[in-house]
Amino acid sequence: MRQCAAAAVIGAALLAGCASFDGRGLVPGKSTVAEVQALMGSPAQSLARPNGDSALYFSRLPEGRAMFVVTVGPDGVMKSIEQRLERQNLKRITAGTSTMKDVRELFGPPGRAGRLPRQGREWWEYKYRDYEERRIIWVQFSDDGIVREVLDMLDWEWVRGGGLFGIHFGIHF
């Protein structure tokens, strides 16, 4: 009997952890910012919008491969929630025009970042999932903060290390 009760408690805790991952259970127009943070944790980034709204970025990077953006009105009530790391959002980044600020507003803080000194560029990395494929977006910026290149590639480390659907096939390159 105790084992069943313990299993039920562990199962409930796991389900609660999964629910907080994507904000499932939050209701636009009803849930408060306090409820959002209680369920999803502290935001990785908060941005004030000109209309008085706030955008709260909840990072699940690197391996969660998600960035959830919760929009909260000036009254502290959630307006919307969306997963931003999706292939269709790549169209919103334009080399030569988009800026670091644009990318940060779209995708939030990167999972990893670095510098390419010979090219004089900074790079940001975002891992995401496109259906069952695990992919990586690399955005490169020149020193003036302008996007110079956007690369969207299959995450070969995932293919090497875990294979399709997380099944290890022992493939090594």
C-alpha atoms as a PDB file:
ATOM      1  CA  MET A   1       0.000   0.000   0.000  1.00  0.00           C
ATOM      2  CA  ARG A   2       2.832   2.400   0.884  1.00  0.00           C
ATOM      3  CA  GLN A   3       4.521   1.654  -2.442  1.00  0.00           C
ATOM      4  CA  CYS A   4       1.326   2.561  -4.319  1.00  0.00           C
ATOM      5  CA  ALA A   5       1.001   5.815  -2.376  1.00  0.00           C
ATOM      6  CA  ALA A   6       4.661   6.662  -3.008  1.00  0.00           C
ATOM      7  CA  ALA A   7       4.253   5.880  -6.703  1.00  0.00           C
ATOM      8  CA  ALA A   8       1.169   8.109  -6.871  1.00  0.00           C
ATOM      9  CA  VAL A   9       3.038  11.018  -5.218  1.00  0.00           C
ATOM     10  CA  ILE A  10       6.015  10.620  -7.565  1.00  0.00           C
ATOM     11  CA  GLY A  11       3.694  10.377 -10.574  1.00  0.00           C
ATOM     12  CA  ALA A  12       1.841  13.542  -9.524  1.00  0.00           C
ATOM     13  CA  ALA A  13       5.150  15.368  -9.061  1.00  0.00           C
ATOM     14  CA  LEU A  14       6.306  14.292 -12.524  1.00  0.00           C
ATOM     15  CA  LEU A  15       3.049  15.418 -14.085  1.00  0.00           C
ATOM     16  CA  ALA A  16       3.290  18.764 -12.300  1.00  0.00           C
ATOM     17  CA  GLY A  17       6.833  19.154 -13.621  1.00  0.00           C
ATOM     18  CA  CYS A  18       5.660  18.434 -17.160  1.00  0.00           C
ATOM     19  CA  ALA A  19       2.750  20.839 -16.819  1.00  0.00           C
ATOM     20  CA  SER A  20       5.076  23.646 -15.787  1.00  0.00           C
ATOM     21  CA  PHE A  21       7.317  23.047 -18.792  1.00  0.00           C
ATOM     22  CA  ASP A  22       4.940  24.647 -21.289  1.00  0.00           C
ATOM     23  CA  GLY A  23       2.498  26.509 -19.052  1.00  0.00           C
ATOM     24  CA  ARG A  24      -0.283  23.998 -19.586  1.00  0.00           C
ATOM     25  CA  GLY A  25      -3.168  24.917 -17.311  1.00  0.00           C
ATOM     26  CA  LEU A  26      -2.656  28.682 -17.580  1.00  0.00           C
ATOM     27  CA  VAL A  27      -5.689  30.562 -18.916  1.00  0.00           C
ATOM     28  CA  PRO A  28      -5.318  33.729 -21.032  1.00  0.00           C
ATOM     29  CA  GLY A  29      -7.400  36.547 -19.598  1.00  0.00           C
ATOM     30  CA  LYS A  30      -7.533  34.885 -16.195  1.00  0.00           C
ATOM     31  CA  SER A  31      -4.113  33.645 -14.986  1.00  0.00           C
ATOM     32  CA  THR A  32      -1.988  36.196 -13.150  1.00  0.00           C
ATOM     33  CA  VAL A  33       1.739  36.816 -13.492  1.00  0.00           C
ATOM     34  CA  ALA A  34       2.174  35.269 -10.035  1.00  0.00           C
ATOM     35  CA  GLU A  35       0.424  32.088 -11.224  1.00  0.00           C
ATOM     36  CA  VAL A  36       2.566  32.041 -14.371  1.00  0.00           C
ATOM     37  CA  GLN A  37       5.785  32.251 -12.358  1.00  0.00           C
ATOM     38  CA  ALA A  38       4.579  29.754  -9.764  1.00  0.00           C
ATOM     39  CA  LEU A  39       3.972  27.250 -12.563  1.00  0.00           C
ATOM     40  CA  MET A  40       6.816  28.057 -14.990  1.00  0.00           C
ATOM     41  CA  GLY A  41       9.527  29.448 -12.695  1.00  0.00           C
ATOM     42  CA  SER A  42      11.489  32.665 -13.037  1.00  0.00           C
ATOM     43  CA  PRO A  43      11.695  34.124 -16.526  1.00  0.00           C
ATOM     44  CA  ALA A  44      15.068  34.103 -18.274  1.00  0.00           C
ATOM     45  CA  GLN A  45      14.261  37.547 -19.699  1.00  0.00           C
ATOM     46  CA  SER A  46      11.574  40.205 -19.291  1.00  0.00           C
ATOM     47  CA  LEU A  47      10.918  42.925 -21.843  1.00  0.00           C
ATOM     48  CA  ALA A  48       8.600  45.902 -21.532  1.00  0.00           C
ATOM     49  CA  ARG A  49       6.555  46.589 -24.656  1.00  0.00           C
ATOM     50  CA  PRO A  50       5.517  50.091 -25.782  1.00  0.00           C
ATOM     51  CA  ASN A  51       1.806  49.375 -25.139  1.00  0.00           C
ATOM     52  CA  GLY A  52       2.473  48.659 -21.437  1.00  0.00           C
ATOM     53  CA  ASP A  53       2.497  44.867 -21.796  1.00  0.00           C
ATOM     54  CA  SER A  54       5.420  42.745 -20.608  1.00  0.00           C
ATOM     55  CA  ALA A  55       6.928  39.778 -22.421  1.00  0.00           C
ATOM     56  CA  LEU A  56       8.277  37.077 -20.092  1.00  0.00           C
ATOM     57  CA  TYR A  57      10.650  34.558 -21.673  1.00  0.00           C
ATOM     58  CA  PHE A  58      10.793  31.092 -20.123  1.00  0.00           C
ATOM     59  CA  SER A  59      13.797  29.241 -21.520  1.00  0.00           C
ATOM     60  CA  ARG A  60      13.906  25.462 -21.742  1.00  0.00           C
ATOM     61  CA  LEU A  61      17.269  25.590 -23.548  1.00  0.00           C
ATOM     62  CA  PRO A  62      19.462  23.873 -24.360  1.00  0.00           C
ATOM     63  CA  GLU A  63      17.914  20.410 -24.443  1.00  0.00           C
ATOM     64  CA  GLY A  64      14.314  21.365 -23.698  1.00  0.00           C
ATOM     65  CA  ARG A  65      14.524  23.062 -27.088  1.00  0.00           C
ATOM     66  CA  ALA A  66      11.809  25.593 -26.343  1.00  0.00           C
ATOM     67  CA  MET A  67      11.370  29.250 -25.465  1.00  0.00           C
ATOM     68  CA  PHE A  68       7.923  30.115 -24.170  1.00  0.00           C
ATOM     69  CA  VAL A  69       6.919  33.775 -24.266  1.00  0.00           C
ATOM     70  CA  VAL A  70       4.105  34.847 -21.977  1.00  0.00           C
ATOM     71  CA  THR A  71       2.556  38.244 -22.651  1.00  0.00           C
ATOM     72  CA  VAL A  72       1.201  39.942 -19.535  1.00  0.00           C
ATOM     73  CA  GLY A  73      -0.911  43.102 -19.565  1.00  0.00           C
ATOM     74  CA  PRO A  74      -0.325  46.137 -17.349  1.00  0.00           C
ATOM     75  CA  ASP A  75      -2.985  44.695 -15.000  1.00  0.00           C
ATOM     76  CA  GLY A  76      -0.771  41.629 -14.322  1.00  0.00           C
ATOM     77  CA  VAL A  77      -3.064  39.218 -16.193  1.00  0.00           C
ATOM     78  CA  MET A  78      -1.712  36.857 -18.848  1.00  0.00           C
ATOM     79  CA  LYS A  79      -2.808  37.654 -22.392  1.00  0.00           C
ATOM     80  CA  SER A  80      -1.084  34.851 -24.315  1.00  0.00           C
ATOM     81  CA  ILE A  81       1.566  32.147 -24.322  1.00  0.00           C
ATOM     82  CA  GLU A  82       3.500  30.878 -27.321  1.00  0.00           C
ATOM     83  CA  GLN A  83       6.476  28.688 -28.146  1.00  0.00           C
ATOM     84  CA  ARG A  84       8.840  30.860 -30.205  1.00  0.00           C
ATOM     85  CA  LEU A  85      11.525  28.395 -31.309  1.00  0.00           C
ATOM     86  CA  GLU A  86       9.741  27.164 -34.401  1.00  0.00           C
ATOM     87  CA  ARG A  87      10.858  26.977 -38.016  1.00  0.00           C
ATOM     88  CA  GLN A  88       8.244  29.476 -39.257  1.00  0.00           C
ATOM     89  CA  ASN A  89       9.707  32.181 -37.008  1.00  0.00           C
ATOM     90  CA  LEU A  90      13.035  31.980 -38.842  1.00  0.00           C
ATOM     91  CA  LYS A  91      11.377  33.915 -41.682  1.00  0.00           C
ATOM     92  CA  ARG A  92      11.157  36.895 -39.348  1.00  0.00           C
ATOM     93  CA  ILE A  93      14.975  37.215 -39.203  1.00  0.00           C
ATOM     94  CA  THR A  94      16.563  38.878 -42.240  1.00  0.00           C
ATOM     95  CA  ALA A  95      20.322  38.997 -42.814  1.00  0.00           C
ATOM     96  CA  GLY A  96      21.485  42.564 -43.310  1.00  0.00           C
ATOM     97  CA  THR A  97      18.391  44.068 -41.676  1.00  0.00           C
ATOM     98  CA  SER A  98      17.492  42.334 -38.412  1.00  0.00           C
ATOM     99  CA  THR A  99      19.395  43.254 -35.245  1.00  0.00           C
ATOM    100  CA  MET A 100      20.462  41.568 -32.021  1.00  0.00           C
ATOM    101  CA  LYS A 101      17.523  43.303 -30.364  1.00  0.00           C
ATOM    102  CA  ASP A 102      15.119  41.824 -32.954  1.00  0.00           C
ATOM    103  CA  VAL A 103      16.459  38.298 -32.403  1.00  0.00           C
ATOM    104  CA  ARG A 104      16.361  38.671 -28.606  1.00  0.00           C
ATOM    105  CA  GLU A 105      12.739  39.904 -28.795  1.00  0.00           C
ATOM    106  CA  LEU A 106      11.796  36.988 -31.047  1.00  0.00           C
ATOM    107  CA  PHE A 107      13.711  34.074 -29.491  1.00  0.00           C
ATOM    108  CA  GLY A 108      14.839  35.388 -26.092  1.00  0.00           C
ATOM    109  CA  PRO A 109      18.309  34.829 -24.650  1.00  0.00           C
ATOM    110  CA  PRO A 110      20.409  32.257 -26.522  1.00  0.00           C
ATOM    111  CA  GLY A 111      21.224  28.828 -25.122  1.00  0.00           C
ATOM    112  CA  ARG A 112      24.892  29.424 -25.952  1.00  0.00           C
ATOM    113  CA  ALA A 113      26.852  32.318 -27.427  1.00  0.00           C
ATOM    114  CA  GLY A 114      30.376  32.954 -28.575  1.00  0.00           C
ATOM    115  CA  ARG A 115      32.653  34.956 -30.794  1.00  0.00           C
ATOM    116  CA  LEU A 116      34.329  34.309 -34.161  1.00  0.00           C
ATOM    117  CA  PRO A 117      37.319  36.669 -33.807  1.00  0.00           C
ATOM    118  CA  ARG A 118      38.693  36.292 -37.342  1.00  0.00           C
ATOM    119  CA  GLN A 119      35.322  37.163 -38.834  1.00  0.00           C
ATOM    120  CA  GLY A 120      34.573  39.845 -36.259  1.00  0.00           C
ATOM    121  CA  ARG A 121      31.225  38.206 -35.491  1.00  0.00           C
ATOM    122  CA  GLU A 122      29.286  37.122 -32.453  1.00  0.00           C
ATOM    123  CA  TRP A 123      27.112  34.004 -32.653  1.00  0.00           C
ATOM    124  CA  TRP A 124      24.058  32.858 -30.726  1.00  0.00           C
ATOM    125  CA  GLU A 125      22.746  29.290 -30.636  1.00  0.00           C
ATOM    126  CA  TYR A 126      19.152  28.134 -30.197  1.00  0.00           C
ATOM    127  CA  LYS A 127      18.254  24.443 -30.148  1.00  0.00           C
ATOM    128  CA  TYR A 128      14.723  23.582 -31.216  1.00  0.00           C
ATOM    129  CA  ARG A 129      12.563  20.691 -32.281  1.00  0.00           C
ATOM    130  CA  ASP A 130      10.835  20.460 -35.657  1.00  0.00           C
ATOM    131  CA  TYR A 131       8.438  17.563 -35.233  1.00  0.00           C
ATOM    132  CA  GLU A 132      10.773  14.705 -34.253  1.00  0.00           C
ATOM    133  CA  GLU A 133      13.890  16.329 -35.716  1.00  0.00           C
ATOM    134  CA  ARG A 134      16.236  18.093 -33.336  1.00  0.00           C
ATOM    135  CA  ARG A 135      17.718  21.166 -34.951  1.00  0.00           C
ATOM    136  CA  ILE A 136      19.989  24.104 -34.150  1.00  0.00           C
ATOM    137  CA  ILE A 137      19.729  27.727 -35.239  1.00  0.00           C
ATOM    138  CA  TRP A 138      22.924  29.762 -35.279  1.00  0.00           C
ATOM    139  CA  VAL A 139      22.615  33.501 -35.768  1.00  0.00           C
ATOM    140  CA  GLN A 140      25.760  35.489 -36.543  1.00  0.00           C
ATOM    141  CA  PHE A 141      26.036  39.235 -35.904  1.00  0.00           C
ATOM    142  CA  SER A 142      28.608  41.759 -37.076  1.00  0.00           C
ATOM    143  CA  ASP A 143      30.088  44.160 -34.518  1.00  0.00           C
ATOM    144  CA  ASP A 144      27.379  46.727 -35.326  1.00  0.00           C
ATOM    145  CA  GLY A 145      24.729  44.270 -34.039  1.00  0.00           C
ATOM    146  CA  ILE A 146      23.266  43.438 -37.457  1.00  0.00           C
ATOM    147  CA  VAL A 147      22.387  39.842 -38.395  1.00  0.00           C
ATOM    148  CA  ARG A 148      24.807  38.662 -41.065  1.00  0.00           C
ATOM    149  CA  GLU A 149      23.908  34.994 -41.318  1.00  0.00           C
ATOM    150  CA  VAL A 150      21.252  32.585 -40.056  1.00  0.00           C
ATOM    151  CA  LEU A 151      21.974  28.857 -40.175  1.00  0.00           C
ATOM    152  CA  ASP A 152      19.324  26.221 -39.498  1.00  0.00           C
ATOM    153  CA  MET A 153      20.812  22.751 -39.299  1.00  0.00           C
ATOM    154  CA  LEU A 154      20.115  19.244 -38.079  1.00  0.00           C
ATOM    155  CA  ASP A 155      21.649  18.682 -34.642  1.00  0.00           C
ATOM    156  CA  TRP A 156      24.243  16.066 -35.553  1.00  0.00           C
ATOM    157  CA  GLU A 157      25.232  15.553 -31.910  1.00  0.00           C
ATOM    158  CA  TRP A 158      21.717  14.246 -31.324  1.00  0.00           C
ATOM    159  CA  VAL A 159      21.984  11.924 -34.304  1.00  0.00           C
ATOM    160  CA  ARG A 160      25.384  10.636 -33.142  1.00  0.00           C
ATOM    161  CA  GLY A 161      24.521  10.335 -29.476  1.00  0.00           C
ATOM    162  CA  GLY A 162      20.968   9.185 -29.365  1.00  0.00           C
ATOM    163  CA  GLY A 163      19.655   8.472 -32.802  1.00  0.00           C
ATOM    164  CA  LEU A 164      16.120   8.789 -34.002  1.00  0.00           C
ATOM    165  CA  PHE A 165      13.521   9.122 -31.220  1.00  0.00           C
ATOM    166  CA  GLY A 166      16.243   8.894 -28.582  1.00  0.00           C
ATOM    167  CA  ILE A 167      17.061   5.281 -29.470  1.00  0.00           C
ATOM    168  CA  HIS A 168      20.787   4.614 -29.473  1.00  0.00           C
ATOM    169  CA  PHE A 169      21.853   2.879 -32.675  1.00  0.00           C
ATOM    170  CA  GLY A 170      25.585   2.980 -31.958  1.00  0.00           C
ATOM    171  CA  ILE A 171      26.204   5.219 -34.956  1.00  0.00           C
ATOM    172  CA  HIS A 172      29.503   7.095 -34.774  1.00  0.00           C
ATOM    173  CA  PHE A 173      30.959   9.398 -37.400  1.00  0.00           C
END
